[in-house]
N, C-alpha and C. Protein backbone atom coordinates (compact mmCIF):
# COMPACT_ATOMS: atom_id res chain seq x y z
N UNK A 1 -3.07 -32.40 14.77
CA UNK A 1 -1.78 -31.94 14.27
C UNK A 1 -2.00 -30.90 13.16
N UNK A 2 -1.41 -29.73 13.30
CA UNK A 2 -1.62 -28.69 12.29
C UNK A 2 -0.97 -29.05 10.95
N UNK A 3 -1.57 -28.55 9.88
CA UNK A 3 -1.04 -28.73 8.53
C UNK A 3 0.08 -27.73 8.26
N UNK A 4 0.10 -26.62 9.01
CA UNK A 4 1.14 -25.62 8.82
C UNK A 4 2.35 -25.98 9.66
N UNK A 5 3.52 -25.43 9.29
CA UNK A 5 4.76 -25.77 9.98
C UNK A 5 4.84 -25.15 11.36
N UNK A 6 4.67 -23.85 11.41
CA UNK A 6 4.79 -23.12 12.67
C UNK A 6 3.71 -22.06 12.70
N UNK A 7 3.22 -21.76 13.90
CA UNK A 7 2.18 -20.75 14.02
C UNK A 7 2.44 -19.78 15.15
N UNK A 8 1.98 -18.57 14.96
CA UNK A 8 2.08 -17.52 15.97
C UNK A 8 0.77 -16.73 15.99
N UNK A 9 0.51 -16.11 17.12
CA UNK A 9 -0.58 -15.14 17.18
C UNK A 9 -0.11 -13.96 18.01
N UNK A 10 -0.71 -12.83 17.75
CA UNK A 10 -0.33 -11.60 18.43
C UNK A 10 -0.85 -11.60 19.87
N UNK A 11 -2.08 -12.05 20.07
CA UNK A 11 -2.69 -11.98 21.39
C UNK A 11 -3.79 -13.04 21.56
N UNK A 12 -4.17 -13.25 22.79
CA UNK A 12 -5.31 -14.12 23.06
C UNK A 12 -6.60 -13.36 22.78
N UNK A 13 -7.59 -14.10 22.31
CA UNK A 13 -8.87 -13.52 21.95
C UNK A 13 -9.69 -13.31 23.22
N UNK A 14 -9.73 -12.07 23.67
CA UNK A 14 -10.50 -11.70 24.84
C UNK A 14 -11.49 -10.60 24.49
N UNK A 15 -12.01 -9.95 25.50
CA UNK A 15 -13.03 -8.93 25.31
C UNK A 15 -12.59 -7.81 24.37
N UNK A 16 -11.40 -7.25 24.58
CA UNK A 16 -10.95 -6.12 23.77
C UNK A 16 -10.59 -6.54 22.35
N UNK A 17 -9.97 -7.71 22.24
CA UNK A 17 -9.63 -8.22 20.91
C UNK A 17 -10.89 -8.52 20.11
N UNK A 18 -11.90 -9.04 20.78
CA UNK A 18 -13.17 -9.32 20.12
C UNK A 18 -13.78 -8.02 19.59
N UNK A 19 -13.71 -6.96 20.38
CA UNK A 19 -14.25 -5.67 19.93
C UNK A 19 -13.52 -5.17 18.69
N UNK A 20 -12.20 -5.32 18.67
CA UNK A 20 -11.43 -4.90 17.51
C UNK A 20 -11.80 -5.71 16.27
N UNK A 21 -11.81 -7.03 16.42
CA UNK A 21 -12.12 -7.90 15.28
C UNK A 21 -13.54 -7.63 14.77
N UNK A 22 -14.50 -7.50 15.67
CA UNK A 22 -15.88 -7.25 15.25
C UNK A 22 -16.03 -5.88 14.60
N UNK A 23 -15.34 -4.88 15.12
CA UNK A 23 -15.41 -3.54 14.52
C UNK A 23 -14.86 -3.58 13.09
N UNK A 24 -13.79 -4.32 12.89
CA UNK A 24 -13.20 -4.45 11.56
C UNK A 24 -14.11 -5.24 10.62
N UNK A 25 -14.60 -6.37 11.08
CA UNK A 25 -15.36 -7.26 10.21
C UNK A 25 -16.81 -6.83 9.97
N UNK A 26 -17.44 -6.27 10.99
CA UNK A 26 -18.89 -6.05 10.90
C UNK A 26 -19.31 -4.59 10.97
N UNK A 27 -18.39 -3.68 11.31
CA UNK A 27 -18.76 -2.27 11.44
C UNK A 27 -17.97 -1.35 10.52
N UNK A 28 -17.35 -1.95 9.50
CA UNK A 28 -16.65 -1.19 8.46
C UNK A 28 -15.53 -0.29 8.99
N UNK A 29 -14.92 -0.67 10.08
CA UNK A 29 -13.80 0.12 10.64
C UNK A 29 -12.49 -0.41 10.06
N UNK A 30 -12.32 -0.19 8.75
CA UNK A 30 -11.17 -0.75 8.04
C UNK A 30 -9.83 -0.23 8.56
N UNK A 31 -9.82 0.95 9.14
CA UNK A 31 -8.57 1.52 9.65
C UNK A 31 -7.95 0.65 10.75
N UNK A 32 -8.76 -0.13 11.42
CA UNK A 32 -8.26 -1.01 12.49
C UNK A 32 -7.30 -2.06 11.92
N UNK A 33 -7.50 -2.45 10.67
CA UNK A 33 -6.63 -3.45 10.04
C UNK A 33 -5.18 -2.96 10.00
N UNK A 34 -4.99 -1.66 9.87
CA UNK A 34 -3.61 -1.12 9.86
C UNK A 34 -2.94 -1.35 11.21
N UNK A 35 -3.66 -1.10 12.29
CA UNK A 35 -3.09 -1.34 13.62
C UNK A 35 -2.79 -2.82 13.83
N UNK A 36 -3.72 -3.68 13.40
CA UNK A 36 -3.51 -5.11 13.54
C UNK A 36 -2.30 -5.57 12.72
N UNK A 37 -2.17 -5.04 11.51
CA UNK A 37 -1.02 -5.37 10.66
C UNK A 37 0.29 -4.94 11.28
N UNK A 38 0.30 -3.76 11.91
CA UNK A 38 1.51 -3.29 12.60
C UNK A 38 1.84 -4.19 13.79
N UNK A 39 0.82 -4.60 14.51
CA UNK A 39 1.03 -5.50 15.65
C UNK A 39 1.56 -6.85 15.17
N UNK A 40 1.09 -7.31 14.03
CA UNK A 40 1.60 -8.56 13.46
C UNK A 40 3.09 -8.40 13.11
N UNK A 41 3.45 -7.26 12.54
CA UNK A 41 4.85 -7.00 12.21
C UNK A 41 5.70 -6.98 13.48
N UNK A 42 5.18 -6.38 14.55
CA UNK A 42 5.89 -6.37 15.83
C UNK A 42 6.10 -7.79 16.35
N UNK A 43 5.08 -8.62 16.21
CA UNK A 43 5.19 -10.01 16.65
C UNK A 43 6.28 -10.74 15.88
N UNK A 44 6.32 -10.53 14.57
CA UNK A 44 7.35 -11.18 13.75
C UNK A 44 8.75 -10.66 14.06
N UNK A 45 8.83 -9.42 14.55
CA UNK A 45 10.14 -8.87 14.90
C UNK A 45 10.73 -9.59 16.11
N UNK A 46 9.87 -10.05 17.03
CA UNK A 46 10.39 -10.74 18.22
C UNK A 46 10.32 -12.26 18.11
N UNK A 47 9.50 -12.76 17.21
CA UNK A 47 9.36 -14.20 16.99
C UNK A 47 9.33 -14.45 15.48
N UNK A 48 10.48 -14.35 14.85
CA UNK A 48 10.48 -14.43 13.38
C UNK A 48 10.04 -15.79 12.84
N UNK A 49 9.37 -15.74 11.72
CA UNK A 49 9.00 -16.91 10.94
C UNK A 49 9.61 -16.73 9.55
N UNK A 50 10.01 -17.81 8.93
CA UNK A 50 10.56 -17.73 7.59
C UNK A 50 9.43 -17.69 6.57
N UNK A 51 9.50 -16.74 5.65
CA UNK A 51 8.53 -16.66 4.56
C UNK A 51 9.01 -15.69 3.50
N UNK A 52 8.49 -15.90 2.29
CA UNK A 52 8.80 -15.02 1.17
C UNK A 52 7.55 -14.29 0.68
N UNK A 53 6.39 -14.87 0.96
CA UNK A 53 5.13 -14.32 0.46
C UNK A 53 4.08 -14.40 1.57
N UNK A 54 3.29 -13.35 1.71
CA UNK A 54 2.16 -13.33 2.64
C UNK A 54 0.89 -13.66 1.85
N UNK A 55 0.11 -14.59 2.36
CA UNK A 55 -1.15 -14.96 1.72
C UNK A 55 -2.26 -14.88 2.77
N UNK A 56 -3.22 -13.98 2.60
CA UNK A 56 -4.34 -13.90 3.54
C UNK A 56 -5.37 -15.00 3.27
N UNK A 57 -6.02 -15.46 4.33
CA UNK A 57 -7.13 -16.40 4.19
C UNK A 57 -8.24 -15.68 3.43
N UNK A 58 -8.79 -16.30 2.39
CA UNK A 58 -9.85 -15.64 1.63
C UNK A 58 -11.20 -15.70 2.33
N UNK A 59 -12.01 -14.69 2.06
CA UNK A 59 -13.40 -14.71 2.55
C UNK A 59 -14.29 -15.22 1.43
N UNK A 60 -15.48 -15.60 1.78
CA UNK A 60 -16.42 -16.09 0.77
C UNK A 60 -16.83 -14.96 -0.16
N UNK A 61 -17.30 -15.32 -1.34
CA UNK A 61 -17.75 -14.30 -2.29
C UNK A 61 -18.90 -13.48 -1.70
N UNK A 62 -19.78 -14.16 -0.96
CA UNK A 62 -20.90 -13.46 -0.35
C UNK A 62 -20.46 -12.43 0.67
N UNK A 63 -19.51 -12.82 1.51
CA UNK A 63 -19.00 -11.86 2.51
C UNK A 63 -18.23 -10.74 1.85
N UNK A 64 -17.46 -11.07 0.82
CA UNK A 64 -16.72 -10.03 0.12
C UNK A 64 -17.68 -9.03 -0.52
N UNK A 65 -18.75 -9.54 -1.08
CA UNK A 65 -19.73 -8.65 -1.72
C UNK A 65 -20.44 -7.78 -0.69
N UNK A 66 -20.87 -8.37 0.43
CA UNK A 66 -21.60 -7.58 1.43
C UNK A 66 -20.68 -6.67 2.24
N UNK A 67 -19.50 -7.15 2.59
CA UNK A 67 -18.57 -6.36 3.41
C UNK A 67 -17.78 -5.39 2.55
N UNK A 68 -17.41 -5.84 1.36
CA UNK A 68 -16.64 -4.99 0.47
C UNK A 68 -15.14 -5.15 0.58
N UNK A 69 -14.67 -5.98 1.48
CA UNK A 69 -13.24 -6.18 1.67
C UNK A 69 -12.98 -7.47 2.44
N UNK A 70 -11.75 -7.92 2.33
CA UNK A 70 -11.27 -9.06 3.10
C UNK A 70 -10.40 -8.49 4.22
N UNK A 71 -10.81 -8.64 5.45
CA UNK A 71 -10.09 -8.07 6.59
C UNK A 71 -8.67 -8.63 6.70
N UNK A 72 -8.46 -9.88 6.35
CA UNK A 72 -7.12 -10.46 6.44
C UNK A 72 -6.20 -9.86 5.38
N UNK A 73 -6.74 -9.57 4.22
CA UNK A 73 -5.95 -8.91 3.19
C UNK A 73 -5.57 -7.50 3.63
N UNK A 74 -6.48 -6.77 4.25
CA UNK A 74 -6.15 -5.42 4.72
C UNK A 74 -5.03 -5.46 5.75
N UNK A 75 -5.08 -6.42 6.68
CA UNK A 75 -4.00 -6.58 7.66
C UNK A 75 -2.69 -6.92 6.94
N UNK A 76 -2.81 -7.81 5.95
CA UNK A 76 -1.63 -8.25 5.21
C UNK A 76 -0.96 -7.14 4.43
N UNK A 77 -1.75 -6.22 3.88
CA UNK A 77 -1.17 -5.09 3.14
C UNK A 77 -0.29 -4.24 4.06
N UNK A 78 -0.74 -4.00 5.27
CA UNK A 78 0.07 -3.24 6.22
C UNK A 78 1.29 -4.04 6.65
N UNK A 79 1.09 -5.29 6.99
CA UNK A 79 2.20 -6.17 7.37
C UNK A 79 3.26 -6.19 6.27
N UNK A 80 2.81 -6.27 5.05
CA UNK A 80 3.70 -6.32 3.89
C UNK A 80 4.65 -5.12 3.84
N UNK A 81 4.14 -3.96 4.16
CA UNK A 81 4.97 -2.74 4.14
C UNK A 81 6.08 -2.81 5.19
N UNK A 82 5.77 -3.38 6.35
CA UNK A 82 6.75 -3.45 7.43
C UNK A 82 7.80 -4.53 7.22
N UNK A 83 7.41 -5.64 6.65
CA UNK A 83 8.36 -6.75 6.47
C UNK A 83 8.95 -6.79 5.06
N UNK A 84 8.46 -5.91 4.20
CA UNK A 84 8.96 -5.78 2.83
C UNK A 84 8.89 -7.09 2.06
N UNK A 85 7.72 -7.74 2.19
CA UNK A 85 7.43 -8.97 1.44
C UNK A 85 6.05 -8.78 0.82
N UNK A 86 5.80 -9.35 -0.35
CA UNK A 86 4.51 -9.14 -1.01
C UNK A 86 3.35 -9.85 -0.30
N UNK A 87 2.20 -9.20 -0.33
CA UNK A 87 0.96 -9.79 0.16
C UNK A 87 0.09 -10.05 -1.06
N UNK A 88 -0.18 -11.32 -1.31
CA UNK A 88 -0.91 -11.70 -2.52
C UNK A 88 -2.23 -12.38 -2.17
N UNK A 89 -3.29 -11.93 -2.80
CA UNK A 89 -4.59 -12.61 -2.64
C UNK A 89 -4.58 -13.82 -3.57
N UNK A 90 -3.75 -14.78 -3.22
CA UNK A 90 -3.48 -15.94 -4.06
C UNK A 90 -4.50 -17.06 -3.92
N UNK A 91 -5.33 -16.99 -2.88
CA UNK A 91 -6.31 -18.05 -2.64
C UNK A 91 -7.72 -17.51 -2.82
N UNK A 92 -8.62 -18.47 -3.08
CA UNK A 92 -10.03 -18.13 -3.18
C UNK A 92 -10.85 -19.25 -2.58
N UNK A 93 -12.05 -18.88 -2.18
CA UNK A 93 -13.02 -19.90 -1.75
C UNK A 93 -13.73 -20.35 -2.99
N UNK A 94 -13.68 -21.65 -3.24
CA UNK A 94 -14.30 -22.15 -4.46
C UNK A 94 -15.68 -22.72 -4.22
N UNK A 95 -16.06 -22.78 -2.94
CA UNK A 95 -17.44 -23.14 -2.63
C UNK A 95 -17.83 -22.45 -1.34
N UNK A 96 -19.10 -22.10 -1.28
CA UNK A 96 -19.63 -21.45 -0.09
C UNK A 96 -19.70 -22.47 1.04
N UNK A 97 -19.47 -22.01 2.24
CA UNK A 97 -19.53 -22.86 3.41
C UNK A 97 -20.43 -22.22 4.45
N UNK A 98 -20.84 -23.02 5.37
CA UNK A 98 -21.62 -22.51 6.50
C UNK A 98 -20.68 -21.67 7.36
N UNK A 99 -21.17 -20.60 7.98
CA UNK A 99 -20.34 -19.77 8.85
C UNK A 99 -19.76 -20.62 9.97
N UNK A 100 -18.45 -20.53 10.16
CA UNK A 100 -17.77 -21.35 11.16
C UNK A 100 -18.27 -21.09 12.58
N UNK A 101 -18.62 -19.85 12.85
CA UNK A 101 -19.06 -19.52 14.21
C UNK A 101 -20.38 -20.19 14.58
N UNK A 102 -21.10 -20.68 13.56
CA UNK A 102 -22.41 -21.28 13.81
C UNK A 102 -22.38 -22.80 13.95
N UNK A 103 -21.20 -23.42 13.86
CA UNK A 103 -21.14 -24.88 13.93
C UNK A 103 -20.13 -25.32 14.98
N UNK A 104 -20.24 -26.56 15.38
CA UNK A 104 -19.37 -27.09 16.43
C UNK A 104 -17.94 -27.21 15.95
N UNK A 105 -17.03 -27.22 16.89
CA UNK A 105 -15.61 -27.38 16.58
C UNK A 105 -15.38 -28.67 15.80
N UNK A 106 -16.08 -29.70 16.15
CA UNK A 106 -15.92 -31.00 15.50
C UNK A 106 -16.31 -30.95 14.02
N UNK A 107 -17.31 -30.14 13.69
CA UNK A 107 -17.82 -30.10 12.32
C UNK A 107 -17.12 -29.08 11.43
N UNK A 108 -16.28 -28.23 12.01
CA UNK A 108 -15.66 -27.16 11.24
C UNK A 108 -14.72 -27.67 10.15
N UNK A 109 -13.91 -28.67 10.44
CA UNK A 109 -12.98 -29.19 9.43
C UNK A 109 -13.75 -29.76 8.25
N UNK A 110 -14.81 -30.52 8.51
CA UNK A 110 -15.62 -31.08 7.42
C UNK A 110 -16.27 -29.98 6.60
N UNK A 111 -16.71 -28.93 7.25
CA UNK A 111 -17.35 -27.81 6.59
C UNK A 111 -16.43 -27.16 5.55
N UNK A 112 -15.12 -27.16 5.83
CA UNK A 112 -14.18 -26.46 4.96
C UNK A 112 -13.46 -27.34 3.94
N UNK A 113 -13.64 -28.65 4.04
CA UNK A 113 -12.95 -29.54 3.10
C UNK A 113 -13.26 -29.16 1.66
N UNK A 114 -12.20 -28.92 0.89
CA UNK A 114 -12.37 -28.58 -0.52
C UNK A 114 -12.93 -27.21 -0.79
N UNK A 115 -12.93 -26.33 0.21
CA UNK A 115 -13.52 -25.00 0.04
C UNK A 115 -12.54 -23.98 -0.55
N UNK A 116 -11.25 -24.29 -0.54
CA UNK A 116 -10.24 -23.32 -0.96
C UNK A 116 -9.44 -23.83 -2.15
N UNK A 117 -8.89 -22.89 -2.89
CA UNK A 117 -7.98 -23.22 -3.99
C UNK A 117 -7.01 -22.06 -4.17
N UNK A 118 -5.85 -22.39 -4.69
CA UNK A 118 -4.91 -21.35 -5.10
C UNK A 118 -5.31 -20.94 -6.51
N UNK A 119 -5.42 -19.65 -6.73
CA UNK A 119 -5.78 -19.13 -8.06
C UNK A 119 -4.69 -19.51 -9.05
N UNK A 120 -5.09 -19.95 -10.22
CA UNK A 120 -4.14 -20.40 -11.24
C UNK A 120 -3.09 -19.34 -11.58
N UNK A 121 -3.49 -18.08 -11.57
CA UNK A 121 -2.56 -16.99 -11.91
C UNK A 121 -1.50 -16.76 -10.85
N UNK A 122 -1.64 -17.38 -9.67
CA UNK A 122 -0.67 -17.20 -8.59
C UNK A 122 0.18 -18.45 -8.32
N UNK A 123 -0.04 -19.51 -9.07
CA UNK A 123 0.70 -20.75 -8.81
C UNK A 123 2.21 -20.54 -8.85
N UNK A 124 2.70 -19.74 -9.78
CA UNK A 124 4.14 -19.51 -9.89
C UNK A 124 4.70 -18.75 -8.68
N UNK A 125 3.86 -17.98 -8.00
CA UNK A 125 4.30 -17.23 -6.83
C UNK A 125 4.27 -18.07 -5.56
N UNK A 126 3.62 -19.21 -5.62
CA UNK A 126 3.48 -20.12 -4.48
C UNK A 126 4.49 -21.26 -4.56
N UNK A 127 4.71 -21.77 -5.76
CA UNK A 127 5.56 -22.93 -5.96
C UNK A 127 6.97 -22.70 -5.41
N UNK A 128 7.40 -23.64 -4.57
CA UNK A 128 8.75 -23.64 -3.96
C UNK A 128 9.02 -22.43 -3.07
N UNK A 129 7.97 -21.80 -2.56
CA UNK A 129 8.13 -20.64 -1.68
C UNK A 129 7.71 -20.98 -0.26
N UNK A 130 8.27 -20.23 0.69
CA UNK A 130 7.83 -20.29 2.09
C UNK A 130 6.73 -19.25 2.23
N UNK A 131 5.55 -19.70 2.64
CA UNK A 131 4.36 -18.85 2.69
C UNK A 131 4.03 -18.50 4.14
N UNK A 132 3.60 -17.27 4.36
CA UNK A 132 3.03 -16.86 5.63
C UNK A 132 1.54 -16.68 5.41
N UNK A 133 0.76 -17.61 5.90
CA UNK A 133 -0.70 -17.56 5.83
C UNK A 133 -1.16 -16.71 7.00
N UNK A 134 -2.04 -15.74 6.76
CA UNK A 134 -2.49 -14.88 7.85
C UNK A 134 -4.02 -14.85 7.92
N UNK A 135 -4.50 -14.64 9.14
CA UNK A 135 -5.93 -14.53 9.39
C UNK A 135 -6.15 -13.67 10.62
N UNK A 136 -7.38 -13.24 10.82
CA UNK A 136 -7.69 -12.38 11.96
C UNK A 136 -7.78 -13.18 13.26
N UNK A 137 -8.33 -14.38 13.20
CA UNK A 137 -8.54 -15.14 14.43
C UNK A 137 -8.33 -16.63 14.18
N UNK A 138 -7.76 -17.28 15.17
CA UNK A 138 -7.53 -18.72 15.14
C UNK A 138 -8.36 -19.32 16.27
N UNK A 139 -9.32 -20.15 15.90
CA UNK A 139 -10.16 -20.77 16.94
C UNK A 139 -9.88 -22.27 16.99
N UNK A 140 -10.42 -23.04 16.08
CA UNK A 140 -10.16 -24.48 16.09
C UNK A 140 -8.99 -24.88 15.21
N UNK A 141 -8.58 -24.01 14.32
CA UNK A 141 -7.51 -24.32 13.39
C UNK A 141 -7.99 -24.89 12.07
N UNK A 142 -9.29 -25.09 11.92
CA UNK A 142 -9.83 -25.71 10.70
C UNK A 142 -9.52 -24.88 9.45
N UNK A 143 -9.70 -23.58 9.53
CA UNK A 143 -9.44 -22.73 8.37
C UNK A 143 -7.96 -22.71 8.03
N UNK A 144 -7.12 -22.50 9.02
CA UNK A 144 -5.67 -22.47 8.80
C UNK A 144 -5.18 -23.79 8.23
N UNK A 145 -5.67 -24.89 8.76
CA UNK A 145 -5.25 -26.20 8.28
C UNK A 145 -5.67 -26.44 6.83
N UNK A 146 -6.89 -26.12 6.51
CA UNK A 146 -7.37 -26.36 5.14
C UNK A 146 -6.64 -25.47 4.14
N UNK A 147 -6.40 -24.22 4.51
CA UNK A 147 -5.66 -23.32 3.62
C UNK A 147 -4.21 -23.77 3.47
N UNK A 148 -3.56 -24.16 4.57
CA UNK A 148 -2.18 -24.62 4.51
C UNK A 148 -2.06 -25.87 3.63
N UNK A 149 -2.99 -26.77 3.79
CA UNK A 149 -3.01 -27.99 2.98
C UNK A 149 -3.12 -27.64 1.49
N UNK A 150 -3.99 -26.71 1.18
CA UNK A 150 -4.20 -26.27 -0.19
C UNK A 150 -2.91 -25.63 -0.76
N UNK A 151 -2.25 -24.81 0.03
CA UNK A 151 -1.00 -24.16 -0.41
C UNK A 151 0.10 -25.19 -0.63
N UNK A 152 0.18 -26.18 0.24
CA UNK A 152 1.19 -27.23 0.09
C UNK A 152 0.91 -28.05 -1.18
N UNK A 153 -0.34 -28.36 -1.42
CA UNK A 153 -0.71 -29.10 -2.63
C UNK A 153 -0.41 -28.30 -3.90
N UNK A 154 -0.39 -26.97 -3.78
CA UNK A 154 -0.07 -26.11 -4.92
C UNK A 154 1.43 -25.94 -5.10
N UNK A 155 2.22 -26.57 -4.23
CA UNK A 155 3.67 -26.55 -4.41
C UNK A 155 4.45 -25.69 -3.45
N UNK A 156 3.81 -25.11 -2.44
CA UNK A 156 4.56 -24.32 -1.46
C UNK A 156 5.59 -25.22 -0.77
N UNK A 157 6.74 -24.66 -0.46
CA UNK A 157 7.78 -25.42 0.25
C UNK A 157 7.42 -25.56 1.72
N UNK A 158 6.90 -24.49 2.28
CA UNK A 158 6.55 -24.47 3.70
C UNK A 158 5.44 -23.45 3.91
N UNK A 159 4.56 -23.70 4.87
CA UNK A 159 3.51 -22.75 5.23
C UNK A 159 3.59 -22.50 6.73
N UNK A 160 3.82 -21.25 7.10
CA UNK A 160 3.73 -20.81 8.48
C UNK A 160 2.46 -20.00 8.61
N UNK A 161 2.00 -19.84 9.84
CA UNK A 161 0.71 -19.19 10.07
C UNK A 161 0.84 -18.11 11.13
N UNK A 162 0.16 -16.99 10.90
CA UNK A 162 0.12 -15.89 11.85
C UNK A 162 -1.30 -15.36 11.93
N UNK A 163 -1.83 -15.28 13.14
CA UNK A 163 -3.15 -14.68 13.32
C UNK A 163 -3.04 -13.51 14.27
N UNK A 164 -3.99 -12.61 14.17
CA UNK A 164 -4.02 -11.51 15.12
C UNK A 164 -4.34 -12.05 16.52
N UNK A 165 -5.37 -12.87 16.62
CA UNK A 165 -5.78 -13.38 17.93
C UNK A 165 -6.04 -14.88 17.84
N UNK A 166 -5.97 -15.51 19.00
CA UNK A 166 -6.30 -16.94 19.12
C UNK A 166 -7.09 -17.13 20.39
N UNK A 167 -8.06 -18.02 20.31
CA UNK A 167 -8.85 -18.35 21.49
C UNK A 167 -7.94 -18.90 22.58
N UNK A 168 -8.29 -18.63 23.82
CA UNK A 168 -7.45 -19.05 24.96
C UNK A 168 -7.18 -20.54 24.93
N UNK A 169 -8.16 -21.32 24.51
CA UNK A 169 -7.98 -22.77 24.46
C UNK A 169 -7.11 -23.21 23.29
N UNK A 170 -6.81 -22.33 22.36
CA UNK A 170 -5.99 -22.66 21.19
C UNK A 170 -4.69 -21.88 21.13
N UNK A 171 -4.49 -20.96 22.04
CA UNK A 171 -3.30 -20.11 22.02
C UNK A 171 -2.03 -20.95 22.01
N UNK A 172 -2.01 -22.01 22.80
CA UNK A 172 -0.82 -22.86 22.87
C UNK A 172 -0.54 -23.58 21.56
N UNK A 173 -1.59 -23.86 20.76
CA UNK A 173 -1.40 -24.54 19.48
C UNK A 173 -0.51 -23.77 18.53
N UNK A 174 -0.65 -22.46 18.55
CA UNK A 174 0.12 -21.64 17.62
C UNK A 174 1.33 -20.99 18.26
N UNK A 175 1.53 -21.19 19.54
CA UNK A 175 2.67 -20.55 20.21
C UNK A 175 3.72 -21.54 20.68
N UNK A 176 3.51 -22.83 20.48
CA UNK A 176 4.51 -23.81 20.93
C UNK A 176 5.44 -24.16 19.82
């Protein structure tokens, strides 16, 4: 059972979507995030979710240092312009975790337990608000669930979730 209220994704994670996500995350093609953000805005136009604030899933400090950016935040900045709602980097990873792609679906939730926190300076922007949590890809739901749980514990009224892509075996989880 997801920790978030409602979830949507733009597309199923297939060959072309994988190329886009990998180009953004691993090949410094930051401009792709603008297209993904526009596609997310298009998705919300036909399947609206209630929210007042956009919060991207945070990347680890190590990835932020090596990559130089958070891909979900870049998508969120573009989405923010289209939906006219603020995109806030309100969350942080408070402990390093093993890369999710390297562990089994069963172990992913345990890997992320206690890994996220809402930054103290953003608590007032989260409390009693409907949040749209965004990420590039939804696979097992472990990241979305742990982040949603963290936002709810920080006082969010509701957390909805939007990803650019979802694995075929998980697409129904965020689209039902």
